[in-house]
Amino acid sequence: MPYTVMPTTLPEVLILEPKVFGDDRGFFFESFNQRDFQQATGLNVNFVQDNHSKSSQGVLRGLHYQIQHPQGKLVRVTHGAVFDVAVDLRRSSPNFGKWVGVELSADNKRQLWVPPGFAHGFVVTSESAEFLYKTTDYWYPEHERSLLWNDPSVGINWPIEREPILAKKDSAAPLLGAAEIFD
C-alpha cells in the first residue's frame, strides 16, 4: 500500500501518510493512485479538478465550502507548512460544528481527505507555502460559502500569534449560527 490512513477526531476526515522512498539522491512517492486510495480509504470518489495556491506566512484561506455541488478535497503541501482545518457542517451529524486541525508540510508529505459537507481552510505557518488539492466537483463561485475563521462557537485553536491575513470575503463570513449548512 503506498500510504497509511490514519483517523482523526472526525471519523470522515482522514490523514494519508505516503510511503516515501528516499536515498542520498532525494525521494520518490506516489502522491495519488485511484485504486490504492479506494482500497485504503473505502471511498469511491472521482476527482475532477486540481488546484494549486501559494501564500505567505500568516495568510489564512477559508473556511470555504460549496452549499450546492459540495466538494470533497484531497489536500497536501509541496513547499512550506500549513495548519489545515476541516469543520463538520452537516446538521444531522453528531459532530456538527466540530473541527479537526492537522499540520501538513512539504517535510511530512501528509495529505488530508476533507469530505463534502465540511468547511475547509488553512493558515500558513512557514515563510510561504504551496498548497495543492484535488476536488470531487468543480468550483461554482455562485455556490461558494465561507464560515468565519474565528467563530467562538466552533473554537478553532489556530496556531497564530497575530491577526491573520484574510481575503475580504473571509473576514466578512458569517458565524455558524447564520451560515448556510448541510442537512
N, C-alpha and C. Protein backbone atom coordinates (compact mmCIF):
# COMPACT_ATOMS: atom_id res chain seq x y z
N MET A 1 0.85 -1.18 0.00
CA MET A 1 0.00 0.00 0.00
C MET A 1 0.89 1.24 0.00
N PRO A 2 0.63 2.19 -0.89
CA PRO A 2 1.50 3.35 -0.99
C PRO A 2 1.34 4.35 0.15
N TYR A 3 0.28 4.22 0.97
CA TYR A 3 0.16 5.11 2.11
C TYR A 3 -0.63 4.46 3.22
N THR A 4 -0.44 5.02 4.42
CA THR A 4 -1.15 4.59 5.60
C THR A 4 -2.26 5.60 5.86
N VAL A 5 -3.43 5.13 6.21
CA VAL A 5 -4.56 6.01 6.52
C VAL A 5 -4.72 6.06 8.03
N MET A 6 -4.78 7.28 8.55
CA MET A 6 -4.93 7.49 9.99
C MET A 6 -6.22 8.27 10.24
N PRO A 7 -7.02 7.82 11.20
CA PRO A 7 -8.25 8.54 11.51
C PRO A 7 -7.94 9.84 12.26
N THR A 8 -8.92 10.73 12.25
CA THR A 8 -8.85 11.96 13.05
C THR A 8 -10.01 11.92 14.04
N THR A 9 -10.16 12.97 14.81
CA THR A 9 -11.28 13.02 15.76
C THR A 9 -12.63 13.14 15.06
N LEU A 10 -12.61 13.52 13.78
CA LEU A 10 -13.82 13.50 12.96
C LEU A 10 -13.66 12.30 12.03
N PRO A 11 -14.44 11.24 12.23
CA PRO A 11 -14.19 9.96 11.54
C PRO A 11 -14.12 10.03 10.02
N GLU A 12 -14.82 10.97 9.40
CA GLU A 12 -14.82 11.05 7.94
C GLU A 12 -13.60 11.77 7.39
N VAL A 13 -12.91 12.54 8.22
CA VAL A 13 -11.71 13.27 7.81
C VAL A 13 -10.51 12.37 8.07
N LEU A 14 -9.73 12.11 7.03
CA LEU A 14 -8.64 11.14 7.12
C LEU A 14 -7.29 11.76 6.79
N ILE A 15 -6.26 11.32 7.51
CA ILE A 15 -4.88 11.68 7.20
C ILE A 15 -4.29 10.52 6.40
N LEU A 16 -3.68 10.85 5.27
CA LEU A 16 -3.00 9.85 4.46
C LEU A 16 -1.51 10.14 4.52
N GLU A 17 -0.76 9.16 4.98
CA GLU A 17 0.68 9.32 5.07
C GLU A 17 1.32 8.42 4.01
N PRO A 18 2.00 9.02 3.04
CA PRO A 18 2.53 8.21 1.94
C PRO A 18 3.77 7.42 2.34
N LYS A 19 3.99 6.35 1.62
CA LYS A 19 5.23 5.60 1.76
C LYS A 19 6.26 6.31 0.87
N VAL A 20 7.29 6.83 1.50
CA VAL A 20 8.30 7.63 0.80
C VAL A 20 9.57 6.80 0.65
N PHE A 21 10.08 6.77 -0.55
CA PHE A 21 11.33 6.08 -0.83
C PHE A 21 12.41 7.14 -0.99
N GLY A 22 13.38 7.16 -0.09
CA GLY A 22 14.40 8.17 -0.14
C GLY A 22 15.80 7.59 -0.06
N ASP A 23 16.72 8.32 -0.64
CA ASP A 23 18.14 7.99 -0.53
C ASP A 23 18.93 9.28 -0.70
N ASP A 24 20.24 9.18 -0.91
CA ASP A 24 21.05 10.38 -0.99
C ASP A 24 20.76 11.24 -2.22
N ARG A 25 19.98 10.72 -3.16
CA ARG A 25 19.61 11.49 -4.36
C ARG A 25 18.37 12.35 -4.12
N GLY A 26 17.56 11.98 -3.11
CA GLY A 26 16.29 12.67 -2.86
C GLY A 26 15.23 11.68 -2.45
N PHE A 27 14.01 11.84 -2.96
CA PHE A 27 12.92 10.95 -2.58
C PHE A 27 11.97 10.76 -3.75
N PHE A 28 11.11 9.74 -3.60
CA PHE A 28 10.03 9.48 -4.53
C PHE A 28 8.86 8.95 -3.73
N PHE A 29 7.65 9.40 -4.07
CA PHE A 29 6.45 8.77 -3.54
C PHE A 29 5.31 8.98 -4.52
N GLU A 30 4.37 8.08 -4.46
CA GLU A 30 3.18 8.17 -5.31
C GLU A 30 2.18 9.05 -4.56
N SER A 31 1.90 10.24 -5.07
CA SER A 31 1.01 11.15 -4.35
C SER A 31 -0.46 10.79 -4.51
N PHE A 32 -0.81 10.11 -5.59
CA PHE A 32 -2.19 9.66 -5.74
C PHE A 32 -2.25 8.49 -6.71
N ASN A 33 -3.05 7.51 -6.32
CA ASN A 33 -3.36 6.35 -7.15
C ASN A 33 -4.81 6.00 -6.83
N GLN A 34 -5.69 6.11 -7.80
CA GLN A 34 -7.12 5.92 -7.59
C GLN A 34 -7.44 4.57 -6.93
N ARG A 35 -6.86 3.51 -7.48
CA ARG A 35 -7.13 2.16 -6.95
C ARG A 35 -6.68 2.03 -5.50
N ASP A 36 -5.47 2.50 -5.20
CA ASP A 36 -4.95 2.38 -3.84
C ASP A 36 -5.68 3.31 -2.87
N PHE A 37 -6.07 4.50 -3.32
CA PHE A 37 -6.85 5.40 -2.49
C PHE A 37 -8.16 4.74 -2.09
N GLN A 38 -8.85 4.15 -3.06
CA GLN A 38 -10.12 3.48 -2.79
C GLN A 38 -9.93 2.30 -1.84
N GLN A 39 -8.90 1.51 -2.07
CA GLN A 39 -8.65 0.35 -1.21
C GLN A 39 -8.30 0.78 0.21
N ALA A 40 -7.49 1.81 0.36
CA ALA A 40 -7.04 2.26 1.68
C ALA A 40 -8.13 2.96 2.48
N THR A 41 -9.00 3.72 1.78
CA THR A 41 -9.99 4.54 2.48
C THR A 41 -11.41 3.96 2.43
N GLY A 42 -11.66 3.08 1.47
CA GLY A 42 -13.02 2.59 1.26
C GLY A 42 -13.89 3.58 0.51
N LEU A 43 -13.28 4.66 -0.01
CA LEU A 43 -14.02 5.71 -0.70
C LEU A 43 -13.89 5.54 -2.21
N ASN A 44 -15.01 5.62 -2.88
CA ASN A 44 -15.01 5.57 -4.34
C ASN A 44 -15.35 6.98 -4.84
N VAL A 45 -14.34 7.80 -5.00
CA VAL A 45 -14.54 9.19 -5.41
C VAL A 45 -13.86 9.43 -6.74
N ASN A 46 -14.35 10.42 -7.45
CA ASN A 46 -13.79 10.79 -8.73
C ASN A 46 -13.33 12.24 -8.64
N PHE A 47 -12.05 12.46 -8.77
CA PHE A 47 -11.52 13.82 -8.73
C PHE A 47 -11.61 14.44 -10.11
N VAL A 48 -12.12 15.69 -10.18
CA VAL A 48 -12.36 16.34 -11.47
C VAL A 48 -11.55 17.62 -11.66
N GLN A 49 -10.90 18.10 -10.61
CA GLN A 49 -10.18 19.37 -10.71
C GLN A 49 -9.01 19.36 -9.74
N ASP A 50 -7.87 19.89 -10.19
CA ASP A 50 -6.71 20.09 -9.32
C ASP A 50 -6.47 21.59 -9.18
N ASN A 51 -6.17 22.04 -7.96
CA ASN A 51 -5.91 23.45 -7.68
C ASN A 51 -4.55 23.58 -7.00
N HIS A 52 -3.92 24.74 -7.19
CA HIS A 52 -2.60 24.99 -6.63
C HIS A 52 -2.57 26.45 -6.19
N SER A 53 -2.23 26.69 -4.93
CA SER A 53 -2.11 28.07 -4.46
C SER A 53 -0.77 28.27 -3.76
N LYS A 54 -0.33 29.51 -3.74
CA LYS A 54 0.86 29.89 -2.99
C LYS A 54 0.45 31.05 -2.09
N SER A 55 0.88 30.97 -0.84
CA SER A 55 0.52 32.00 0.14
C SER A 55 1.70 32.30 1.04
N SER A 56 1.71 33.52 1.58
CA SER A 56 2.75 33.96 2.51
C SER A 56 2.39 33.58 3.94
N GLN A 57 3.38 33.65 4.81
CA GLN A 57 3.16 33.35 6.22
C GLN A 57 2.05 34.25 6.77
N GLY A 58 1.16 33.66 7.56
CA GLY A 58 0.08 34.40 8.18
C GLY A 58 -1.18 34.50 7.34
N VAL A 59 -1.12 34.08 6.08
CA VAL A 59 -2.33 34.07 5.25
C VAL A 59 -3.22 32.94 5.71
N LEU A 60 -4.49 33.26 5.92
CA LEU A 60 -5.49 32.26 6.27
C LEU A 60 -6.52 32.23 5.15
N ARG A 61 -6.68 31.08 4.54
CA ARG A 61 -7.66 30.90 3.47
C ARG A 61 -8.77 30.01 4.01
N GLY A 62 -9.99 30.53 3.98
CA GLY A 62 -11.12 29.73 4.45
C GLY A 62 -11.87 30.45 5.53
N LEU A 63 -12.77 29.77 6.01
CA LEU A 63 -13.18 28.37 5.87
C LEU A 63 -14.20 28.28 4.73
N HIS A 64 -13.89 27.57 3.67
CA HIS A 64 -14.70 27.55 2.46
C HIS A 64 -15.46 26.24 2.28
N TYR A 65 -16.61 26.35 1.61
CA TYR A 65 -17.39 25.19 1.21
C TYR A 65 -18.36 25.63 0.12
N GLN A 66 -18.93 24.67 -0.58
CA GLN A 66 -19.95 24.95 -1.58
C GLN A 66 -21.25 24.34 -1.11
N ILE A 67 -22.28 25.16 -0.97
CA ILE A 67 -23.57 24.68 -0.46
C ILE A 67 -24.27 23.77 -1.47
N GLN A 68 -24.10 24.05 -2.75
CA GLN A 68 -24.52 23.14 -3.81
C GLN A 68 -23.25 22.69 -4.51
N HIS A 69 -23.27 21.51 -5.08
CA HIS A 69 -22.07 20.92 -5.68
C HIS A 69 -20.95 20.85 -4.64
N PRO A 70 -21.22 20.30 -3.44
CA PRO A 70 -20.17 20.24 -2.42
C PRO A 70 -18.97 19.43 -2.91
N GLN A 71 -17.80 19.87 -2.48
CA GLN A 71 -16.56 19.26 -2.93
C GLN A 71 -15.90 18.45 -1.82
N GLY A 72 -15.51 17.23 -2.16
CA GLY A 72 -14.54 16.52 -1.34
C GLY A 72 -13.18 16.99 -1.79
N LYS A 73 -12.22 17.10 -0.87
CA LYS A 73 -10.90 17.62 -1.22
C LYS A 73 -9.82 16.71 -0.64
N LEU A 74 -8.84 16.42 -1.46
CA LEU A 74 -7.63 15.73 -1.02
C LEU A 74 -6.52 16.77 -1.12
N VAL A 75 -6.00 17.19 0.04
CA VAL A 75 -5.10 18.35 0.08
C VAL A 75 -3.71 17.95 0.57
N ARG A 76 -2.71 18.72 0.09
CA ARG A 76 -1.34 18.49 0.51
C ARG A 76 -0.50 19.75 0.27
N VAL A 77 0.66 19.79 0.89
CA VAL A 77 1.58 20.92 0.77
C VAL A 77 2.86 20.43 0.09
N THR A 78 3.33 21.17 -0.92
CA THR A 78 4.56 20.80 -1.61
C THR A 78 5.74 21.70 -1.24
N HIS A 79 5.46 22.82 -0.60
CA HIS A 79 6.51 23.73 -0.14
C HIS A 79 6.01 24.41 1.12
N GLY A 80 6.80 24.38 2.19
CA GLY A 80 6.41 25.05 3.42
C GLY A 80 5.51 24.21 4.30
N ALA A 81 4.70 24.89 5.12
CA ALA A 81 3.84 24.20 6.08
C ALA A 81 2.58 25.02 6.35
N VAL A 82 1.49 24.31 6.61
CA VAL A 82 0.22 24.94 6.97
C VAL A 82 -0.41 24.18 8.12
N PHE A 83 -1.32 24.86 8.80
CA PHE A 83 -2.23 24.20 9.74
C PHE A 83 -3.55 24.13 9.00
N ASP A 84 -3.98 22.90 8.69
CA ASP A 84 -5.14 22.66 7.84
C ASP A 84 -6.32 22.25 8.71
N VAL A 85 -7.51 22.80 8.41
CA VAL A 85 -8.68 22.61 9.27
C VAL A 85 -9.90 22.18 8.45
N ALA A 86 -10.67 21.26 9.03
CA ALA A 86 -11.97 20.87 8.48
C ALA A 86 -13.01 21.03 9.59
N VAL A 87 -14.18 21.57 9.22
CA VAL A 87 -15.28 21.77 10.17
C VAL A 87 -16.51 21.06 9.62
N ASP A 88 -17.13 20.21 10.43
CA ASP A 88 -18.33 19.47 10.02
C ASP A 88 -19.53 20.42 10.00
N LEU A 89 -20.12 20.60 8.81
CA LEU A 89 -21.27 21.49 8.65
C LEU A 89 -22.54 20.73 8.31
N ARG A 90 -22.60 19.45 8.65
CA ARG A 90 -23.79 18.63 8.38
C ARG A 90 -24.67 18.64 9.63
N ARG A 91 -25.80 19.32 9.54
CA ARG A 91 -26.70 19.47 10.68
C ARG A 91 -27.05 18.13 11.33
N SER A 92 -27.20 17.07 10.51
CA SER A 92 -27.60 15.77 11.03
C SER A 92 -26.44 14.98 11.66
N SER A 93 -25.24 15.50 11.58
CA SER A 93 -24.07 14.78 12.10
C SER A 93 -23.94 14.95 13.61
N PRO A 94 -23.52 13.90 14.31
CA PRO A 94 -23.24 14.05 15.75
C PRO A 94 -22.03 14.96 16.00
N ASN A 95 -21.25 15.23 14.97
CA ASN A 95 -20.09 16.10 15.10
C ASN A 95 -20.30 17.49 14.50
N PHE A 96 -21.56 17.85 14.28
CA PHE A 96 -21.88 19.16 13.69
C PHE A 96 -21.19 20.28 14.47
N GLY A 97 -20.48 21.14 13.74
CA GLY A 97 -19.81 22.29 14.34
C GLY A 97 -18.46 21.98 14.94
N LYS A 98 -18.05 20.71 14.93
CA LYS A 98 -16.74 20.35 15.48
C LYS A 98 -15.68 20.44 14.38
N TRP A 99 -14.44 20.58 14.79
CA TRP A 99 -13.34 20.78 13.86
C TRP A 99 -12.18 19.85 14.17
N VAL A 100 -11.32 19.68 13.18
CA VAL A 100 -10.07 18.97 13.35
C VAL A 100 -9.00 19.75 12.60
N GLY A 101 -7.80 19.82 13.17
CA GLY A 101 -6.70 20.51 12.53
C GLY A 101 -5.47 19.63 12.47
N VAL A 102 -4.75 19.72 11.36
CA VAL A 102 -3.58 18.87 11.12
C VAL A 102 -2.48 19.71 10.47
N GLU A 103 -1.24 19.49 10.88
CA GLU A 103 -0.13 20.14 10.17
C GLU A 103 0.16 19.35 8.90
N LEU A 104 0.15 20.06 7.79
CA LEU A 104 0.57 19.49 6.52
C LEU A 104 1.81 20.25 6.08
N SER A 105 2.83 19.54 5.64
CA SER A 105 4.05 20.23 5.24
C SER A 105 4.75 19.47 4.12
N ALA A 106 5.67 20.17 3.48
CA ALA A 106 6.50 19.53 2.46
C ALA A 106 7.35 18.45 3.11
N ASP A 107 7.71 18.63 4.37
CA ASP A 107 8.53 17.64 5.07
C ASP A 107 7.76 16.38 5.43
N ASN A 108 6.54 16.53 5.99
CA ASN A 108 5.82 15.32 6.42
C ASN A 108 5.04 14.66 5.28
N LYS A 109 4.83 15.38 4.19
CA LYS A 109 4.20 14.86 2.97
C LYS A 109 2.81 14.27 3.21
N ARG A 110 2.22 14.57 4.33
CA ARG A 110 0.87 14.08 4.62
C ARG A 110 -0.16 14.74 3.73
N GLN A 111 -1.26 14.01 3.53
CA GLN A 111 -2.41 14.53 2.81
C GLN A 111 -3.61 14.44 3.75
N LEU A 112 -4.60 15.28 3.51
CA LEU A 112 -5.82 15.24 4.31
C LEU A 112 -7.00 15.10 3.37
N TRP A 113 -7.88 14.14 3.68
CA TRP A 113 -9.14 13.97 2.94
C TRP A 113 -10.21 14.75 3.71
N VAL A 114 -10.80 15.74 3.05
CA VAL A 114 -11.88 16.54 3.62
C VAL A 114 -13.12 16.24 2.79
N PRO A 115 -14.10 15.53 3.35
CA PRO A 115 -15.26 15.11 2.56
C PRO A 115 -16.24 16.24 2.27
N PRO A 116 -17.14 16.03 1.31
CA PRO A 116 -18.22 17.00 1.10
C PRO A 116 -19.00 17.18 2.40
N GLY A 117 -19.52 18.38 2.62
CA GLY A 117 -20.27 18.66 3.84
C GLY A 117 -19.42 19.28 4.94
N PHE A 118 -18.16 19.52 4.64
CA PHE A 118 -17.24 20.11 5.60
C PHE A 118 -16.70 21.43 5.04
N ALA A 119 -16.53 22.43 5.91
CA ALA A 119 -15.81 23.64 5.54
C ALA A 119 -14.33 23.33 5.66
N HIS A 120 -13.53 24.00 4.84
CA HIS A 120 -12.09 23.74 4.83
C HIS A 120 -11.32 25.05 4.80
N GLY A 121 -10.21 25.09 5.51
CA GLY A 121 -9.34 26.25 5.47
C GLY A 121 -7.97 25.91 6.01
N PHE A 122 -7.04 26.84 5.82
CA PHE A 122 -5.69 26.64 6.35
C PHE A 122 -5.03 27.98 6.60
N VAL A 123 -4.04 27.95 7.50
CA VAL A 123 -3.20 29.12 7.74
C VAL A 123 -1.76 28.71 7.49
N VAL A 124 -1.01 29.58 6.83
CA VAL A 124 0.39 29.30 6.51
C VAL A 124 1.25 29.58 7.74
N THR A 125 1.99 28.57 8.17
CA THR A 125 2.83 28.68 9.37
C THR A 125 4.32 28.82 9.04
N SER A 126 4.69 28.63 7.79
CA SER A 126 6.08 28.81 7.35
C SER A 126 6.19 30.14 6.62
N GLU A 127 7.37 30.47 6.13
CA GLU A 127 7.57 31.74 5.41
C GLU A 127 6.61 31.87 4.23
N SER A 128 6.40 30.78 3.53
CA SER A 128 5.40 30.69 2.47
C SER A 128 5.03 29.23 2.32
N ALA A 129 3.97 28.97 1.58
CA ALA A 129 3.55 27.58 1.36
C ALA A 129 2.88 27.46 0.01
N GLU A 130 3.11 26.31 -0.63
CA GLU A 130 2.38 25.96 -1.84
C GLU A 130 1.48 24.79 -1.48
N PHE A 131 0.21 24.95 -1.83
CA PHE A 131 -0.86 24.07 -1.39
C PHE A 131 -1.55 23.50 -2.62
N LEU A 132 -1.67 22.18 -2.70
CA LEU A 132 -2.32 21.52 -3.82
C LEU A 132 -3.53 20.76 -3.32
N TYR A 133 -4.60 20.80 -4.11
CA TYR A 133 -5.74 19.97 -3.73
C TYR A 133 -6.53 19.51 -4.93
N LYS A 134 -6.99 18.27 -4.79
CA LYS A 134 -7.85 17.64 -5.78
C LYS A 134 -9.27 17.79 -5.27
N THR A 135 -10.23 18.04 -6.18
CA THR A 135 -11.63 18.18 -5.75
C THR A 135 -12.53 17.21 -6.51
N THR A 136 -13.61 16.82 -5.85
CA THR A 136 -14.55 15.87 -6.43
C THR A 136 -15.65 16.55 -7.24
N ASP A 137 -15.70 17.87 -7.21
CA ASP A 137 -16.64 18.61 -8.05
C ASP A 137 -15.95 19.90 -8.47
N TYR A 138 -16.52 20.53 -9.48
CA TYR A 138 -15.95 21.76 -9.99
C TYR A 138 -16.27 22.92 -9.07
N TRP A 139 -15.53 24.00 -9.21
CA TRP A 139 -15.78 25.21 -8.44
C TRP A 139 -16.89 26.00 -9.09
N TYR A 140 -17.91 26.30 -8.31
CA TYR A 140 -19.03 27.12 -8.74
C TYR A 140 -19.07 28.34 -7.82
N PRO A 141 -18.56 29.49 -8.27
CA PRO A 141 -18.47 30.65 -7.38
C PRO A 141 -19.81 31.06 -6.79
N GLU A 142 -20.91 30.86 -7.53
CA GLU A 142 -22.22 31.25 -7.01
C GLU A 142 -22.68 30.38 -5.83
N HIS A 143 -22.05 29.21 -5.64
CA HIS A 143 -22.42 28.32 -4.53
C HIS A 143 -21.39 28.32 -3.41
N GLU A 144 -20.29 29.07 -3.61
CA GLU A 144 -19.25 29.10 -2.58
C GLU A 144 -19.74 29.89 -1.36
N ARG A 145 -19.44 29.35 -0.21
CA ARG A 145 -19.77 30.00 1.06
C ARG A 145 -18.53 29.97 1.95
N SER A 146 -18.53 30.82 2.96
CA SER A 146 -17.45 30.85 3.93
C SER A 146 -18.04 30.86 5.33
N LEU A 147 -17.30 30.29 6.24
CA LEU A 147 -17.61 30.32 7.66
C LEU A 147 -16.52 31.15 8.32
N LEU A 148 -16.88 32.03 9.26
CA LEU A 148 -15.89 32.90 9.88
C LEU A 148 -14.82 32.08 10.59
N TRP A 149 -13.59 32.39 10.28
CA TRP A 149 -12.43 31.62 10.74
C TRP A 149 -12.32 31.54 12.26
N ASN A 150 -12.76 32.58 12.97
CA ASN A 150 -12.61 32.61 14.43
C ASN A 150 -13.95 32.58 15.16
N ASP A 151 -14.93 31.90 14.58
CA ASP A 151 -16.24 31.76 15.22
C ASP A 151 -16.05 31.12 16.60
N PRO A 152 -16.44 31.82 17.67
CA PRO A 152 -16.24 31.27 19.02
C PRO A 152 -17.06 30.00 19.28
N SER A 153 -18.17 29.80 18.56
CA SER A 153 -18.95 28.58 18.79
C SER A 153 -18.26 27.35 18.21
N VAL A 154 -17.37 27.55 17.24
CA VAL A 154 -16.58 26.45 16.69
C VAL A 154 -15.29 26.31 17.49
N GLY A 155 -14.64 27.41 17.80
CA GLY A 155 -13.48 27.42 18.69
C GLY A 155 -12.21 26.81 18.15
N ILE A 156 -11.90 27.08 16.89
CA ILE A 156 -10.67 26.55 16.31
C ILE A 156 -9.46 27.17 17.00
N ASN A 157 -8.53 26.33 17.39
CA ASN A 157 -7.30 26.78 18.05
C ASN A 157 -6.21 26.95 16.99
N TRP A 158 -6.28 28.06 16.26
CA TRP A 158 -5.30 28.34 15.21
C TRP A 158 -3.94 28.60 15.84
N PRO A 159 -2.85 28.06 15.31
CA PRO A 159 -1.52 28.28 15.87
C PRO A 159 -0.90 29.59 15.37
N ILE A 160 -1.55 30.69 15.69
CA ILE A 160 -1.08 32.01 15.23
C ILE A 160 -1.04 32.95 16.42
N GLU A 161 -0.14 33.92 16.33
CA GLU A 161 0.04 34.88 17.42
C GLU A 161 -0.48 36.26 17.09
N ARG A 162 -0.85 36.47 15.82
CA ARG A 162 -1.38 37.78 15.41
C ARG A 162 -2.55 37.55 14.47
N GLU A 163 -3.24 38.63 14.15
CA GLU A 163 -4.37 38.52 13.23
C GLU A 163 -3.89 37.99 11.88
N PRO A 164 -4.58 37.04 11.31
CA PRO A 164 -4.16 36.51 10.01
C PRO A 164 -4.47 37.49 8.88
N ILE A 165 -3.86 37.23 7.74
CA ILE A 165 -4.14 38.00 6.52
C ILE A 165 -5.27 37.27 5.81
N LEU A 166 -6.38 37.99 5.61
CA LEU A 166 -7.61 37.38 5.08
C LEU A 166 -8.07 38.07 3.81
N ALA A 167 -8.76 37.31 2.97
CA ALA A 167 -9.50 37.91 1.85
C ALA A 167 -10.71 38.62 2.44
N LYS A 168 -11.22 39.64 1.74
CA LYS A 168 -12.39 40.37 2.23
C LYS A 168 -13.58 39.44 2.50
N LYS A 169 -13.81 38.48 1.59
CA LYS A 169 -14.96 37.58 1.75
C LYS A 169 -14.80 36.73 3.01
N ASP A 170 -13.56 36.39 3.37
CA ASP A 170 -13.35 35.56 4.56
C ASP A 170 -13.49 36.37 5.84
N SER A 171 -13.07 37.61 5.82
CA SER A 171 -13.21 38.44 7.02
C SER A 171 -14.67 38.82 7.27
N ALA A 172 -15.50 38.77 6.22
CA ALA A 172 -16.92 39.11 6.34
C ALA A 172 -17.82 37.87 6.41
N ALA A 173 -17.23 36.71 6.55
CA ALA A 173 -18.01 35.46 6.57
C ALA A 173 -18.91 35.40 7.80
N PRO A 174 -20.04 34.70 7.69
CA PRO A 174 -20.95 34.60 8.84
C PRO A 174 -20.47 33.60 9.89
N LEU A 175 -21.03 33.74 11.06
CA LEU A 175 -20.85 32.77 12.13
C LEU A 175 -21.66 31.51 11.80
N LEU A 176 -21.36 30.42 12.46
CA LEU A 176 -22.05 29.15 12.21
C LEU A 176 -23.56 29.30 12.35
N GLY A 177 -24.02 30.03 13.33
CA GLY A 177 -25.46 30.19 13.56
C GLY A 177 -26.20 30.89 12.43
N ALA A 178 -25.48 31.64 11.59
CA ALA A 178 -26.10 32.36 10.48
C ALA A 178 -25.69 31.80 9.12
N ALA A 179 -24.84 30.78 9.12
CA ALA A 179 -24.32 30.23 7.85
C ALA A 179 -25.30 29.23 7.24
N GLU A 180 -25.27 29.16 5.91
CA GLU A 180 -25.98 28.08 5.23
C GLU A 180 -25.22 26.80 5.49
N ILE A 181 -25.92 25.76 5.88
CA ILE A 181 -25.26 24.50 6.20
C ILE A 181 -25.95 23.35 5.48
N PHE A 182 -25.40 22.16 5.64
CA PHE A 182 -25.95 20.97 5.00
C PHE A 182 -26.92 20.27 5.95
N ASP A 183 -27.90 19.57 5.39
CA ASP A 183 -28.86 18.82 6.24
C ASP A 183 -28.21 17.61 6.87
